[in-house]
Amino acid sequence: MERCGLKLRIVPKLTLILLLVMSIFIVIANLKQMTRLKKIKDSFAAIGADSFLVKSLPNIRYISGFSGSAANILLTKDKNFFITDFRYKTQSSERSL
């Protein structure tokens, strides 16, 4: 019985640790994405652009972390738009620009 009790106490602790580690990785990934977006938006003035349309899937993944097979990103000075189809509703809601 105590053996089962010990396992039950350890598992939640391990789960909590894993969740914390995953949260840290998500925060780091979001910071990298924000830095990438800032670099792109900072270059708008230099090239005289008001907006930027990203259609290449490797570039979309680099900017947003989205790994689906159908998406576009429209970046403007004030807003970012992530465009995909209904199949990626859950995955796209997890990615924020």
N, C-alpha and C. Protein backbone atom coordinates (compact mmCIF):
# COMPACT_ATOMS: atom_id res chain seq x y z
N MET A 1 0.81 -1.19 0.00
CA MET A 1 0.00 0.00 0.00
C MET A 1 0.85 1.26 0.00
N GLU A 2 1.86 1.31 0.86
CA GLU A 2 2.69 2.50 0.90
C GLU A 2 3.43 2.69 -0.42
N ARG A 3 3.75 1.58 -1.02
CA ARG A 3 4.44 1.66 -2.29
C ARG A 3 3.56 2.37 -3.33
N CYS A 4 2.29 2.02 -3.38
CA CYS A 4 1.36 2.71 -4.28
C CYS A 4 1.24 4.18 -3.91
N GLY A 5 1.17 4.46 -2.62
CA GLY A 5 1.08 5.85 -2.17
C GLY A 5 2.29 6.64 -2.58
N LEU A 6 3.46 6.05 -2.53
CA LEU A 6 4.69 6.71 -2.94
C LEU A 6 4.65 7.06 -4.42
N LYS A 7 4.22 6.13 -5.23
CA LYS A 7 4.12 6.38 -6.67
C LYS A 7 3.14 7.50 -6.96
N LEU A 8 2.05 7.52 -6.25
CA LEU A 8 1.05 8.55 -6.48
C LEU A 8 1.57 9.93 -6.10
N ARG A 9 2.43 9.98 -5.11
CA ARG A 9 2.99 11.28 -4.72
C ARG A 9 4.09 11.72 -5.68
N ILE A 10 4.84 10.80 -6.24
CA ILE A 10 5.93 11.14 -7.15
C ILE A 10 5.40 11.57 -8.51
N VAL A 11 4.43 10.90 -9.03
CA VAL A 11 3.93 11.20 -10.37
C VAL A 11 3.44 12.64 -10.50
N PRO A 12 2.63 13.15 -9.56
CA PRO A 12 2.22 14.56 -9.71
C PRO A 12 3.40 15.52 -9.68
N LYS A 13 4.43 15.22 -8.87
CA LYS A 13 5.60 16.10 -8.83
C LYS A 13 6.33 16.08 -10.18
N LEU A 14 6.50 14.89 -10.75
CA LEU A 14 7.14 14.80 -12.06
C LEU A 14 6.32 15.50 -13.13
N THR A 15 5.01 15.34 -13.06
CA THR A 15 4.12 16.00 -14.01
C THR A 15 4.26 17.51 -13.88
N LEU A 16 4.30 18.01 -12.68
CA LEU A 16 4.45 19.45 -12.45
C LEU A 16 5.78 19.95 -13.00
N ILE A 17 6.84 19.20 -12.77
CA ILE A 17 8.16 19.58 -13.28
C ILE A 17 8.14 19.61 -14.80
N LEU A 18 7.56 18.59 -15.42
CA LEU A 18 7.49 18.56 -16.88
C LEU A 18 6.68 19.74 -17.42
N LEU A 19 5.58 20.05 -16.77
CA LEU A 19 4.77 21.19 -17.20
C LEU A 19 5.53 22.50 -17.08
N LEU A 20 6.30 22.66 -16.01
CA LEU A 20 7.10 23.87 -15.85
C LEU A 20 8.17 23.97 -16.93
N VAL A 21 8.84 22.88 -17.22
CA VAL A 21 9.87 22.87 -18.26
C VAL A 21 9.26 23.20 -19.62
N MET A 22 8.12 22.60 -19.92
CA MET A 22 7.45 22.87 -21.18
C MET A 22 7.03 24.34 -21.26
N SER A 23 6.56 24.90 -20.16
CA SER A 23 6.16 26.30 -20.13
C SER A 23 7.35 27.21 -20.40
N ILE A 24 8.48 26.87 -19.84
CA ILE A 24 9.69 27.66 -20.07
C ILE A 24 10.07 27.63 -21.55
N PHE A 25 10.02 26.45 -22.17
CA PHE A 25 10.35 26.35 -23.59
C PHE A 25 9.36 27.16 -24.44
N ILE A 26 8.10 27.15 -24.07
CA ILE A 26 7.09 27.91 -24.82
C ILE A 26 7.38 29.40 -24.71
N VAL A 27 7.72 29.87 -23.53
CA VAL A 27 8.03 31.29 -23.34
C VAL A 27 9.25 31.67 -24.17
N ILE A 28 10.28 30.83 -24.16
CA ILE A 28 11.49 31.11 -24.95
C ILE A 28 11.15 31.15 -26.44
N ALA A 29 10.35 30.20 -26.90
CA ALA A 29 9.96 30.18 -28.31
C ALA A 29 9.16 31.42 -28.67
N ASN A 30 8.26 31.85 -27.80
CA ASN A 30 7.49 33.06 -28.07
C ASN A 30 8.38 34.29 -28.11
N LEU A 31 9.38 34.36 -27.24
CA LEU A 31 10.31 35.49 -27.27
C LEU A 31 11.10 35.52 -28.58
N LYS A 32 11.53 34.35 -29.04
CA LYS A 32 12.25 34.28 -30.31
C LYS A 32 11.36 34.75 -31.46
N GLN A 33 10.09 34.31 -31.45
CA GLN A 33 9.16 34.71 -32.50
C GLN A 33 8.91 36.21 -32.46
N MET A 34 8.77 36.79 -31.27
CA MET A 34 8.55 38.23 -31.16
C MET A 34 9.76 39.00 -31.69
N THR A 35 10.97 38.49 -31.40
CA THR A 35 12.19 39.14 -31.89
C THR A 35 12.24 39.06 -33.42
N ARG A 36 11.87 37.93 -33.98
CA ARG A 36 11.87 37.77 -35.44
C ARG A 36 10.86 38.72 -36.09
N LEU A 37 9.67 38.81 -35.50
CA LEU A 37 8.65 39.73 -36.02
C LEU A 37 9.12 41.18 -35.93
N LYS A 38 9.75 41.53 -34.83
CA LYS A 38 10.24 42.90 -34.66
C LYS A 38 11.28 43.24 -35.71
N LYS A 39 12.17 42.31 -35.99
CA LYS A 39 13.19 42.55 -37.02
C LYS A 39 12.55 42.78 -38.38
N ILE A 40 11.55 42.00 -38.71
CA ILE A 40 10.87 42.16 -40.00
C ILE A 40 10.16 43.50 -40.04
N LYS A 41 9.43 43.83 -38.98
CA LYS A 41 8.68 45.09 -38.96
C LYS A 41 9.61 46.30 -38.95
N ASP A 42 10.75 46.19 -38.30
CA ASP A 42 11.72 47.28 -38.30
C ASP A 42 12.28 47.54 -39.69
N SER A 43 12.28 46.52 -40.54
CA SER A 43 12.82 46.69 -41.89
C SER A 43 11.79 47.31 -42.85
N PHE A 44 10.53 47.44 -42.43
CA PHE A 44 9.49 48.03 -43.29
C PHE A 44 9.92 49.41 -43.80
N ALA A 45 10.37 50.26 -42.89
CA ALA A 45 10.75 51.63 -43.28
C ALA A 45 11.92 51.63 -44.25
N ALA A 46 12.88 50.76 -44.02
CA ALA A 46 14.08 50.72 -44.86
C ALA A 46 13.74 50.34 -46.31
N ILE A 47 12.74 49.47 -46.49
CA ILE A 47 12.41 49.05 -47.86
C ILE A 47 11.16 49.75 -48.39
N GLY A 48 10.58 50.64 -47.57
CA GLY A 48 9.40 51.39 -48.00
C GLY A 48 8.14 50.55 -48.09
N ALA A 49 7.99 49.59 -47.21
CA ALA A 49 6.83 48.70 -47.25
C ALA A 49 5.83 49.06 -46.15
N ASP A 50 4.56 48.86 -46.44
CA ASP A 50 3.50 49.03 -45.45
C ASP A 50 3.09 47.70 -44.84
N SER A 51 3.30 46.63 -45.60
CA SER A 51 2.92 45.31 -45.14
C SER A 51 3.82 44.27 -45.80
N PHE A 52 3.71 43.05 -45.31
CA PHE A 52 4.56 41.97 -45.81
C PHE A 52 3.76 40.68 -45.77
N LEU A 53 3.66 39.99 -46.88
CA LEU A 53 2.92 38.74 -46.97
C LEU A 53 3.91 37.58 -47.02
N VAL A 54 3.76 36.65 -46.08
CA VAL A 54 4.64 35.48 -46.01
C VAL A 54 3.84 34.27 -46.48
N LYS A 55 4.32 33.63 -47.56
CA LYS A 55 3.61 32.48 -48.13
C LYS A 55 4.42 31.19 -48.07
N SER A 56 5.70 31.31 -47.88
CA SER A 56 6.58 30.14 -47.84
C SER A 56 6.44 29.42 -46.49
N LEU A 57 6.11 28.13 -46.53
CA LEU A 57 5.89 27.38 -45.29
C LEU A 57 7.11 27.34 -44.37
N PRO A 58 8.33 27.20 -44.89
CA PRO A 58 9.48 27.26 -43.96
C PRO A 58 9.60 28.63 -43.27
N ASN A 59 9.30 29.69 -43.99
CA ASN A 59 9.35 31.02 -43.38
C ASN A 59 8.22 31.22 -42.37
N ILE A 60 7.05 30.66 -42.67
CA ILE A 60 5.93 30.74 -41.73
C ILE A 60 6.27 30.00 -40.44
N ARG A 61 6.90 28.86 -40.58
CA ARG A 61 7.31 28.10 -39.39
C ARG A 61 8.36 28.87 -38.60
N TYR A 62 9.30 29.50 -39.31
CA TYR A 62 10.35 30.27 -38.65
C TYR A 62 9.77 31.45 -37.87
N ILE A 63 8.78 32.11 -38.45
CA ILE A 63 8.20 33.29 -37.82
C ILE A 63 7.23 32.92 -36.71
N SER A 64 6.38 31.91 -36.95
CA SER A 64 5.29 31.65 -36.01
C SER A 64 5.37 30.33 -35.25
N GLY A 65 6.16 29.39 -35.74
CA GLY A 65 6.21 28.07 -35.13
C GLY A 65 5.13 27.13 -35.66
N PHE A 66 4.28 27.62 -36.56
CA PHE A 66 3.22 26.80 -37.14
C PHE A 66 3.82 25.77 -38.07
N SER A 67 3.40 24.50 -37.91
CA SER A 67 4.00 23.42 -38.70
C SER A 67 3.02 22.75 -39.65
N GLY A 68 1.87 23.38 -39.87
CA GLY A 68 0.89 22.80 -40.78
C GLY A 68 1.32 22.95 -42.23
N SER A 69 0.46 22.49 -43.16
CA SER A 69 0.82 22.50 -44.58
C SER A 69 0.09 23.57 -45.38
N ALA A 70 -0.68 24.42 -44.72
CA ALA A 70 -1.41 25.47 -45.44
C ALA A 70 -1.57 26.69 -44.55
N ALA A 71 -0.88 27.77 -44.90
CA ALA A 71 -1.00 29.00 -44.11
C ALA A 71 -0.37 30.16 -44.85
N ASN A 72 -0.76 31.36 -44.46
CA ASN A 72 -0.16 32.61 -44.89
C ASN A 72 -0.11 33.51 -43.67
N ILE A 73 0.86 34.43 -43.68
CA ILE A 73 0.95 35.43 -42.62
C ILE A 73 1.03 36.79 -43.29
N LEU A 74 0.19 37.70 -42.86
CA LEU A 74 0.24 39.08 -43.34
C LEU A 74 0.65 39.95 -42.16
N LEU A 75 1.80 40.61 -42.31
CA LEU A 75 2.30 41.50 -41.28
C LEU A 75 2.08 42.93 -41.74
N THR A 76 1.50 43.75 -40.89
CA THR A 76 1.36 45.17 -41.16
C THR A 76 2.04 45.91 -40.01
N LYS A 77 2.13 47.22 -40.12
CA LYS A 77 2.78 47.99 -39.05
C LYS A 77 2.05 47.83 -37.72
N ASP A 78 0.73 47.74 -37.78
CA ASP A 78 -0.07 47.72 -36.55
C ASP A 78 -0.57 46.35 -36.13
N LYS A 79 -0.78 45.44 -37.09
CA LYS A 79 -1.38 44.14 -36.78
C LYS A 79 -0.69 43.02 -37.54
N ASN A 80 -0.92 41.81 -37.04
CA ASN A 80 -0.44 40.59 -37.69
C ASN A 80 -1.65 39.71 -37.95
N PHE A 81 -1.68 39.09 -39.12
CA PHE A 81 -2.79 38.21 -39.47
C PHE A 81 -2.24 36.84 -39.85
N PHE A 82 -2.74 35.82 -39.17
CA PHE A 82 -2.39 34.44 -39.47
C PHE A 82 -3.58 33.83 -40.18
N ILE A 83 -3.38 33.34 -41.40
CA ILE A 83 -4.48 32.85 -42.23
C ILE A 83 -4.24 31.37 -42.55
N THR A 84 -5.20 30.55 -42.19
CA THR A 84 -5.12 29.12 -42.51
C THR A 84 -6.53 28.57 -42.67
N ASP A 85 -6.64 27.30 -43.00
CA ASP A 85 -7.98 26.74 -43.18
C ASP A 85 -8.46 26.05 -41.90
N PHE A 86 -9.69 25.57 -41.95
CA PHE A 86 -10.36 25.02 -40.76
C PHE A 86 -9.64 23.83 -40.15
N ARG A 87 -8.84 23.11 -40.92
CA ARG A 87 -8.17 21.92 -40.39
C ARG A 87 -7.20 22.25 -39.25
N TYR A 88 -6.72 23.46 -39.24
CA TYR A 88 -5.69 23.84 -38.27
C TYR A 88 -6.22 24.79 -37.20
N LYS A 89 -7.51 24.75 -36.94
CA LYS A 89 -8.11 25.65 -35.96
C LYS A 89 -7.44 25.53 -34.58
N THR A 90 -7.25 24.32 -34.11
CA THR A 90 -6.65 24.12 -32.79
C THR A 90 -5.20 24.55 -32.79
N GLN A 91 -4.43 24.10 -33.77
CA GLN A 91 -3.00 24.43 -33.81
C GLN A 91 -2.80 25.93 -34.00
N SER A 92 -3.60 26.56 -34.83
CA SER A 92 -3.41 27.98 -35.07
C SER A 92 -3.78 28.82 -33.86
N SER A 93 -4.73 28.35 -33.05
CA SER A 93 -5.09 29.10 -31.85
C SER A 93 -3.99 29.03 -30.80
N GLU A 94 -3.14 28.04 -30.88
CA GLU A 94 -2.02 27.91 -29.95
C GLU A 94 -0.85 28.81 -30.34
N ARG A 95 -0.83 29.25 -31.57
CA ARG A 95 0.23 30.13 -32.07
C ARG A 95 -0.28 31.55 -32.08
N SER A 96 0.49 32.45 -31.50
CA SER A 96 0.06 33.83 -31.55
C SER A 96 1.15 34.68 -32.19
N LEU A 97 0.72 35.63 -32.94
CA LEU A 97 1.67 36.54 -33.59
C LEU A 97 1.55 37.90 -32.98
